[in-house]
Amino acid sequence: MPRLLLIEDDPSVREGVELGLRRRGHEVRTAATGEAGLALLREFRPDLLLLDLMLPGMNGVQVCRKVREDSQLPVIMLTARGDDFDVVIGLEAGADDYIVKPARTEVIEARIRAVLRRFEEPGGGRPAVEFHGELAIDRSGLGVAKNGERLALAPSEMKLLLHLSAAPEQVFSRQQLLEHVWEYGFHGDTRLVDACVRRLRNKIEDVPGNPRYIQTLRGFGYRFGPL
């Protein structure tokens, strides 16, 4: 079972989530502050981080950005408010998904499994390494390089790139990408897609504002180039 680190300052939420996940067989460590969580992260080496957005001192966005400096650890943000501004900031900081509190243990468990599955994309009989312009995509090794330099992609970014590049020039709607990449049904949040596209463009494009690889078709969705 995946090892989980939970950073949450509310004792009742922290204890409830920890107990529920332990009952499902997870090894769980917890911290009440961002600083303590980062110290525990280096010691515990979890498979996934559950991160409260509204932490005292170093908040969840700052923690997520710190994690993303040298790690592609899957991150799920926990927010007590479904506030648009909070959610967008968390996603832009590098979170792979978010959950609005309070949430049942089975919901949290489902999102954990969905995020972790994003690094289990099969090759599907395609070449081990594909070349698209300056990009080299290694489907079996789950790696991406640009001009020979390896890029660090978060799980959701990697899964999105794999899905789009598997069908160059095919247009995918945001809802289709939510279903295939995030495993959300009809009521998924399309901001997950837009935030992930922006982060991915910042890593693979020479000029993110004038993208070559991930192209937007207004009113329809996204497709993979290159031009």
C-alpha atoms as a PDB file:
ATOM      1  CA  MET A   1       0.000   0.000   0.000  1.00  0.00           C
ATOM      2  CA  PRO A   2       1.240   3.541  -0.732  1.00  0.00           C
ATOM      3  CA  ARG A   3       3.004   5.354   2.099  1.00  0.00           C
ATOM      4  CA  LEU A   4       1.317   8.683   2.806  1.00  0.00           C
ATOM      5  CA  LEU A   5       2.364  11.924   4.458  1.00  0.00           C
ATOM      6  CA  LEU A   6      -0.460  14.158   5.708  1.00  0.00           C
ATOM      7  CA  ILE A   7       0.284  17.803   6.568  1.00  0.00           C
ATOM      8  CA  GLU A   8      -2.808  19.232   8.302  1.00  0.00           C
ATOM      9  CA  ASP A   9      -3.015  21.702  11.184  1.00  0.00           C
ATOM     10  CA  ASP A  10      -6.569  20.882  12.347  1.00  0.00           C
ATOM     11  CA  PRO A  11      -6.173  18.064  14.940  1.00  0.00           C
ATOM     12  CA  SER A  12      -9.641  16.597  14.378  1.00  0.00           C
ATOM     13  CA  VAL A  13      -9.220  16.474  10.600  1.00  0.00           C
ATOM     14  CA  ARG A  14      -5.664  15.166  10.890  1.00  0.00           C
ATOM     15  CA  GLU A  15      -6.599  12.382  13.274  1.00  0.00           C
ATOM     16  CA  GLY A  16      -9.756  11.439  11.347  1.00  0.00           C
ATOM     17  CA  VAL A  17      -8.019  11.208   7.964  1.00  0.00           C
ATOM     18  CA  GLU A  18      -5.043   9.367   9.461  1.00  0.00           C
ATOM     19  CA  LEU A  19      -7.266   6.804  11.202  1.00  0.00           C
ATOM     20  CA  GLY A  20      -9.393   6.219   8.110  1.00  0.00           C
ATOM     21  CA  LEU A  21      -6.379   5.680   5.849  1.00  0.00           C
ATOM     22  CA  ARG A  22      -4.600   3.436   8.382  1.00  0.00           C
ATOM     23  CA  ARG A  23      -7.715   1.253   8.531  1.00  0.00           C
ATOM     24  CA  ARG A  24      -7.370   0.817   4.767  1.00  0.00           C
ATOM     25  CA  GLY A  25      -3.826  -0.449   5.177  1.00  0.00           C
ATOM     26  CA  HIS A  26      -1.764   2.669   4.494  1.00  0.00           C
ATOM     27  CA  GLU A  27       1.303   3.632   6.444  1.00  0.00           C
ATOM     28  CA  VAL A  28       0.628   7.248   7.384  1.00  0.00           C
ATOM     29  CA  ARG A  29       2.789   9.913   8.985  1.00  0.00           C
ATOM     30  CA  THR A  30       1.414  13.323   9.935  1.00  0.00           C
ATOM     31  CA  ALA A  31       2.636  16.842  10.622  1.00  0.00           C
ATOM     32  CA  ALA A  32       0.807  19.952  11.836  1.00  0.00           C
ATOM     33  CA  THR A  33       2.957  22.583  10.086  1.00  0.00           C
ATOM     34  CA  GLY A  34       4.620  23.004   6.734  1.00  0.00           C
ATOM     35  CA  GLU A  35       8.073  23.202   8.269  1.00  0.00           C
ATOM     36  CA  ALA A  36       7.591  19.972  10.231  1.00  0.00           C
ATOM     37  CA  GLY A  37       6.109  18.292   7.184  1.00  0.00           C
ATOM     38  CA  LEU A  38       9.092  19.134   4.982  1.00  0.00           C
ATOM     39  CA  ALA A  39      11.478  17.759   7.596  1.00  0.00           C
ATOM     40  CA  LEU A  40       9.414  14.550   7.832  1.00  0.00           C
ATOM     41  CA  LEU A  41       9.241  14.309   4.035  1.00  0.00           C
ATOM     42  CA  ARG A  42      13.003  13.881   3.777  1.00  0.00           C
ATOM     43  CA  GLU A  43      13.007  11.226   6.515  1.00  0.00           C
ATOM     44  CA  PHE A  44       9.871   9.267   5.627  1.00  0.00           C
ATOM     45  CA  ARG A  45      10.037   9.357   1.784  1.00  0.00           C
ATOM     46  CA  PRO A  46       6.284   8.848   1.167  1.00  0.00           C
ATOM     47  CA  ASP A  47       4.627   7.810  -2.088  1.00  0.00           C
ATOM     48  CA  LEU A  48       2.151  10.697  -1.951  1.00  0.00           C
ATOM     49  CA  LEU A  49       1.624  13.930  -0.016  1.00  0.00           C
ATOM     50  CA  LEU A  50      -1.769  15.082   1.291  1.00  0.00           C
ATOM     51  CA  LEU A  51      -1.310  18.791   1.908  1.00  0.00           C
ATOM     52  CA  ASP A  52      -3.663  21.245   3.617  1.00  0.00           C
ATOM     53  CA  LEU A  53      -3.802  24.558   1.788  1.00  0.00           C
ATOM     54  CA  MET A  54      -4.395  26.788   4.837  1.00  0.00           C
ATOM     55  CA  LEU A  55      -1.473  26.038   7.168  1.00  0.00           C
ATOM     56  CA  PRO A  56      -0.067  28.389   9.808  1.00  0.00           C
ATOM     57  CA  GLY A  57       3.323  29.890   9.000  1.00  0.00           C
ATOM     58  CA  MET A  58       4.437  28.265   5.754  1.00  0.00           C
ATOM     59  CA  ASN A  59       1.163  27.646   3.933  1.00  0.00           C
ATOM     60  CA  GLY A  60       0.324  24.774   1.629  1.00  0.00           C
ATOM     61  CA  VAL A  61       1.186  26.661  -1.561  1.00  0.00           C
ATOM     62  CA  GLN A  62       4.650  27.495  -0.218  1.00  0.00           C
ATOM     63  CA  VAL A  63       5.163  23.888   0.856  1.00  0.00           C
ATOM     64  CA  CYS A  64       4.097  22.600  -2.557  1.00  0.00           C
ATOM     65  CA  ARG A  65       6.472  24.955  -4.349  1.00  0.00           C
ATOM     66  CA  LYS A  66       9.291  23.864  -2.044  1.00  0.00           C
ATOM     67  CA  VAL A  67       8.558  20.195  -2.774  1.00  0.00           C
ATOM     68  CA  ARG A  68       8.509  20.877  -6.518  1.00  0.00           C
ATOM     69  CA  GLU A  69      12.000  22.390  -6.400  1.00  0.00           C
ATOM     70  CA  ASP A  70      13.577  18.940  -6.310  1.00  0.00           C
ATOM     71  CA  SER A  71      10.810  16.320  -6.307  1.00  0.00           C
ATOM     72  CA  GLN A  72       7.977  15.083  -8.516  1.00  0.00           C
ATOM     73  CA  LEU A  73       6.189  13.513  -5.544  1.00  0.00           C
ATOM     74  CA  PRO A  74       2.426  13.301  -6.224  1.00  0.00           C
ATOM     75  CA  VAL A  75       0.598  16.007  -4.253  1.00  0.00           C
ATOM     76  CA  ILE A  76      -3.104  16.289  -3.417  1.00  0.00           C
ATOM     77  CA  MET A  77      -4.196  19.585  -1.892  1.00  0.00           C
ATOM     78  CA  LEU A  78      -6.838  19.639   0.854  1.00  0.00           C
ATOM     79  CA  THR A  79      -8.938  22.791   1.062  1.00  0.00           C
ATOM     80  CA  ALA A  80     -11.739  23.586   3.498  1.00  0.00           C
ATOM     81  CA  ARG A  81     -13.305  25.957   0.998  1.00  0.00           C
ATOM     82  CA  GLY A  82     -14.106  25.272  -2.624  1.00  0.00           C
ATOM     83  CA  ASP A  83     -12.836  28.791  -3.236  1.00  0.00           C
ATOM     84  CA  ASP A  84     -11.837  29.291  -6.876  1.00  0.00           C
ATOM     85  CA  PHE A  85      -8.856  31.462  -6.013  1.00  0.00           C
ATOM     86  CA  ASP A  86      -7.464  28.982  -3.478  1.00  0.00           C
ATOM     87  CA  VAL A  87      -7.913  26.030  -5.812  1.00  0.00           C
ATOM     88  CA  VAL A  88      -6.247  27.720  -8.787  1.00  0.00           C
ATOM     89  CA  ILE A  89      -3.269  28.850  -6.689  1.00  0.00           C
ATOM     90  CA  GLY A  90      -2.805  25.316  -5.362  1.00  0.00           C
ATOM     91  CA  LEU A  91      -2.904  23.809  -8.843  1.00  0.00           C
ATOM     92  CA  GLU A  92      -0.533  26.415 -10.258  1.00  0.00           C
ATOM     93  CA  ALA A  93       1.911  25.651  -7.432  1.00  0.00           C
ATOM     94  CA  GLY A  94       2.199  22.095  -8.740  1.00  0.00           C
ATOM     95  CA  ALA A  95      -0.536  20.059  -7.033  1.00  0.00           C
ATOM     96  CA  ASP A  96      -1.805  17.084  -9.046  1.00  0.00           C
ATOM     97  CA  ASP A  97      -5.343  17.200  -7.668  1.00  0.00           C
ATOM     98  CA  TYR A  98      -7.403  18.706  -4.857  1.00  0.00           C
ATOM     99  CA  ILE A  99     -10.089  17.580  -2.415  1.00  0.00           C
ATOM    100  CA  VAL A 100     -12.567  19.860  -0.643  1.00  0.00           C
ATOM    101  CA  LYS A 101     -12.883  19.075   3.080  1.00  0.00           C
ATOM    102  CA  PRO A 102     -14.653  17.430   4.732  1.00  0.00           C
ATOM    103  CA  ALA A 103     -14.304  14.317   2.570  1.00  0.00           C
ATOM    104  CA  ARG A 104     -15.064  10.670   3.270  1.00  0.00           C
ATOM    105  CA  THR A 105     -12.132   8.278   3.518  1.00  0.00           C
ATOM    106  CA  GLU A 106     -13.303   6.364   0.439  1.00  0.00           C
ATOM    107  CA  VAL A 107     -13.233   9.586  -1.594  1.00  0.00           C
ATOM    108  CA  ILE A 108      -9.692  10.387  -0.445  1.00  0.00           C
ATOM    109  CA  GLU A 109      -8.622   6.809  -1.151  1.00  0.00           C
ATOM    110  CA  ALA A 110     -10.078   6.961  -4.671  1.00  0.00           C
ATOM    111  CA  ARG A 111      -8.242  10.194  -5.477  1.00  0.00           C
ATOM    112  CA  ILE A 112      -4.974   8.774  -4.094  1.00  0.00           C
ATOM    113  CA  ARG A 113      -5.243   5.722  -6.338  1.00  0.00           C
ATOM    114  CA  ALA A 114      -6.177   7.824  -9.377  1.00  0.00           C
ATOM    115  CA  VAL A 115      -3.175  10.136  -8.926  1.00  0.00           C
ATOM    116  CA  LEU A 116      -0.753   7.251  -8.409  1.00  0.00           C
ATOM    117  CA  ARG A 117      -2.068   5.456 -11.514  1.00  0.00           C
ATOM    118  CA  ARG A 118      -0.877   8.375 -13.643  1.00  0.00           C
ATOM    119  CA  PHE A 119       2.623   6.943 -13.665  1.00  0.00           C
ATOM    120  CA  GLU A 120       1.380   3.536 -14.804  1.00  0.00           C
ATOM    121  CA  GLU A 121       0.575   4.464 -18.409  1.00  0.00           C
ATOM    122  CA  PRO A 122       1.327   1.411 -20.584  1.00  0.00           C
ATOM    123  CA  GLY A 123       3.337   1.758 -23.748  1.00  0.00           C
ATOM    124  CA  GLY A 124       0.504   0.250 -25.781  1.00  0.00           C
ATOM    125  CA  GLY A 125       2.845  -1.296 -28.335  1.00  0.00           C
ATOM    126  CA  ARG A 126       4.275   2.075 -29.329  1.00  0.00           C
ATOM    127  CA  PRO A 127       8.043   2.675 -29.709  1.00  0.00           C
ATOM    128  CA  ALA A 128       9.856   2.933 -26.379  1.00  0.00           C
ATOM    129  CA  VAL A 129      11.111   6.414 -27.277  1.00  0.00           C
ATOM    130  CA  GLU A 130       9.229   8.769 -29.582  1.00  0.00           C
ATOM    131  CA  PHE A 131      10.681  11.936 -31.077  1.00  0.00           C
ATOM    132  CA  HIS A 132       8.474  14.961 -31.646  1.00  0.00           C
ATOM    133  CA  GLY A 133      10.586  17.841 -32.826  1.00  0.00           C
ATOM    134  CA  GLU A 134      12.960  18.680 -29.972  1.00  0.00           C
ATOM    135  CA  LEU A 135      11.066  16.441 -27.531  1.00  0.00           C
ATOM    136  CA  ALA A 136      11.952  12.815 -26.803  1.00  0.00           C
ATOM    137  CA  ILE A 137       9.203  10.944 -24.954  1.00  0.00           C
ATOM    138  CA  ASP A 138      10.147   7.645 -23.308  1.00  0.00           C
ATOM    139  CA  ARG A 139       6.853   5.846 -22.742  1.00  0.00           C
ATOM    140  CA  SER A 140       8.314   2.776 -21.062  1.00  0.00           C
ATOM    141  CA  GLY A 141      10.677   4.713 -18.807  1.00  0.00           C
ATOM    142  CA  LEU A 142       8.177   7.557 -18.284  1.00  0.00           C
ATOM    143  CA  GLY A 143      10.703  10.251 -19.085  1.00  0.00           C
ATOM    144  CA  VAL A 144      10.811  13.338 -21.288  1.00  0.00           C
ATOM    145  CA  ALA A 145      13.835  15.179 -22.630  1.00  0.00           C
ATOM    146  CA  LYS A 146      14.143  18.377 -24.630  1.00  0.00           C
ATOM    147  CA  ASN A 147      17.300  18.865 -26.689  1.00  0.00           C
ATOM    148  CA  GLY A 148      18.818  15.979 -24.741  1.00  0.00           C
ATOM    149  CA  GLU A 149      18.075  17.516 -21.322  1.00  0.00           C
ATOM    150  CA  ARG A 150      15.715  15.534 -19.105  1.00  0.00           C
ATOM    151  CA  LEU A 151      12.642  17.424 -17.877  1.00  0.00           C
ATOM    152  CA  ALA A 152      11.065  16.963 -14.442  1.00  0.00           C
ATOM    153  CA  LEU A 153       7.323  16.438 -14.874  1.00  0.00           C
ATOM    154  CA  ALA A 154       4.781  15.874 -12.118  1.00  0.00           C
ATOM    155  CA  PRO A 155       2.565  12.766 -12.492  1.00  0.00           C
ATOM    156  CA  SER A 156      -0.413  14.681 -13.904  1.00  0.00           C
ATOM    157  CA  GLU A 157       1.835  16.562 -16.345  1.00  0.00           C
ATOM    158  CA  MET A 158       3.424  13.321 -17.561  1.00  0.00           C
ATOM    159  CA  LYS A 159       0.085  11.555 -17.994  1.00  0.00           C
ATOM    160  CA  LEU A 160      -1.352  14.544 -19.864  1.00  0.00           C
ATOM    161  CA  LEU A 161       1.622  14.679 -22.241  1.00  0.00           C
ATOM    162  CA  LEU A 162       1.488  10.917 -22.826  1.00  0.00           C
ATOM    163  CA  HIS A 163      -2.219  11.060 -23.604  1.00  0.00           C
ATOM    164  CA  LEU A 164      -2.019  14.024 -25.982  1.00  0.00           C
ATOM    165  CA  SER A 165       1.112  12.822 -27.782  1.00  0.00           C
ATOM    166  CA  ALA A 166      -0.364   9.359 -28.338  1.00  0.00           C
ATOM    167  CA  ALA A 167      -2.710  10.918 -30.909  1.00  0.00           C
ATOM    168  CA  PRO A 168      -0.960  13.895 -32.555  1.00  0.00           C
ATOM    169  CA  GLU A 169      -3.311  16.430 -34.162  1.00  0.00           C
ATOM    170  CA  GLN A 170      -6.362  14.891 -32.458  1.00  0.00           C
ATOM    171  CA  VAL A 171      -8.361  17.445 -30.506  1.00  0.00           C
ATOM    172  CA  PHE A 172      -9.365  16.474 -26.961  1.00  0.00           C
ATOM    173  CA  SER A 173     -11.982  18.403 -25.030  1.00  0.00           C
ATOM    174  CA  ARG A 174     -11.302  19.335 -21.419  1.00  0.00           C
ATOM    175  CA  GLN A 175     -13.958  16.848 -20.339  1.00  0.00           C
ATOM    176  CA  GLN A 176     -12.279  14.039 -22.295  1.00  0.00           C
ATOM    177  CA  LEU A 177      -8.943  14.849 -20.679  1.00  0.00           C
ATOM    178  CA  LEU A 178     -10.547  14.911 -17.228  1.00  0.00           C
ATOM    179  CA  GLU A 179     -11.928  11.427 -17.845  1.00  0.00           C
ATOM    180  CA  HIS A 180      -8.727   9.919 -19.242  1.00  0.00           C
ATOM    181  CA  VAL A 181      -6.045  11.688 -17.199  1.00  0.00           C
ATOM    182  CA  TRP A 182      -7.754  12.529 -13.903  1.00  0.00           C
ATOM    183  CA  GLU A 183     -10.411   9.790 -14.041  1.00  0.00           C
ATOM    184  CA  TYR A 184     -13.165  12.250 -13.255  1.00  0.00           C
ATOM    185  CA  GLY A 185     -16.631  11.836 -14.645  1.00  0.00           C
ATOM    186  CA  PHE A 186     -19.096  14.463 -15.792  1.00  0.00           C
ATOM    187  CA  HIS A 187     -18.748  16.691 -12.733  1.00  0.00           C
ATOM    188  CA  GLY A 188     -14.953  17.063 -12.854  1.00  0.00           C
ATOM    189  CA  ASP A 189     -13.320  20.467 -12.536  1.00  0.00           C
ATOM    190  CA  THR A 190     -11.879  21.605 -15.878  1.00  0.00           C
ATOM    191  CA  ARG A 191      -9.512  23.967 -14.062  1.00  0.00           C
ATOM    192  CA  LEU A 192      -7.392  20.881 -13.356  1.00  0.00           C
ATOM    193  CA  VAL A 193      -6.794  20.570 -17.086  1.00  0.00           C
ATOM    194  CA  ASP A 194      -6.076  24.242 -17.741  1.00  0.00           C
ATOM    195  CA  ALA A 195      -3.658  24.551 -14.807  1.00  0.00           C
ATOM    196  CA  CYS A 196      -1.817  21.392 -15.829  1.00  0.00           C
ATOM    197  CA  VAL A 197      -1.539  22.588 -19.438  1.00  0.00           C
ATOM    198  CA  ARG A 198      -0.023  25.883 -18.268  1.00  0.00           C
ATOM    199  CA  ARG A 199       2.535  24.089 -16.090  1.00  0.00           C
ATOM    200  CA  LEU A 200       3.401  21.658 -18.876  1.00  0.00           C
ATOM    201  CA  ARG A 201       3.840  24.463 -21.393  1.00  0.00           C
ATOM    202  CA  ASN A 202       6.212  26.240 -19.018  1.00  0.00           C
ATOM    203  CA  LYS A 203       8.425  23.145 -19.101  1.00  0.00           C
ATOM    204  CA  ILE A 204       8.327  21.989 -22.728  1.00  0.00           C
ATOM    205  CA  GLU A 205       7.709  25.144 -24.757  1.00  0.00           C
ATOM    206  CA  ASP A 206      10.318  27.697 -25.801  1.00  0.00           C
ATOM    207  CA  VAL A 207       7.662  30.410 -25.580  1.00  0.00           C
ATOM    208  CA  PRO A 208       4.755  29.228 -23.376  1.00  0.00           C
ATOM    209  CA  GLY A 209       2.564  32.090 -24.559  1.00  0.00           C
ATOM    210  CA  ASN A 210       3.036  30.975 -28.162  1.00  0.00           C
ATOM    211  CA  PRO A 211       3.008  27.173 -27.779  1.00  0.00           C
ATOM    212  CA  ARG A 212       4.369  24.818 -30.398  1.00  0.00           C
ATOM    213  CA  TYR A 213       3.483  21.478 -28.802  1.00  0.00           C
ATOM    214  CA  ILE A 214       0.320  21.913 -26.733  1.00  0.00           C
ATOM    215  CA  GLN A 215      -2.070  23.927 -28.875  1.00  0.00           C
ATOM    216  CA  THR A 216      -5.418  25.410 -27.851  1.00  0.00           C
ATOM    217  CA  LEU A 217      -8.417  25.279 -30.155  1.00  0.00           C
ATOM    218  CA  ARG A 218     -10.815  27.782 -28.653  1.00  0.00           C
ATOM    219  CA  GLY A 219     -14.203  26.315 -27.938  1.00  0.00           C
ATOM    220  CA  PHE A 220     -12.947  22.756 -28.499  1.00  0.00           C
ATOM    221  CA  GLY A 221      -9.954  21.873 -26.328  1.00  0.00           C
ATOM    222  CA  TYR A 222      -6.299  20.932 -26.791  1.00  0.00           C
ATOM    223  CA  ARG A 223      -4.170  18.994 -29.257  1.00  0.00           C
ATOM    224  CA  PHE A 224      -0.537  17.966 -29.534  1.00  0.00           C
ATOM    225  CA  GLY A 225       1.672  19.392 -32.326  1.00  0.00           C
ATOM    226  CA  PRO A 226       4.412  20.083 -33.006  1.00  0.00           C
ATOM    227  CA  LEU A 227       3.752  22.821 -35.533  1.00  0.00           C
END
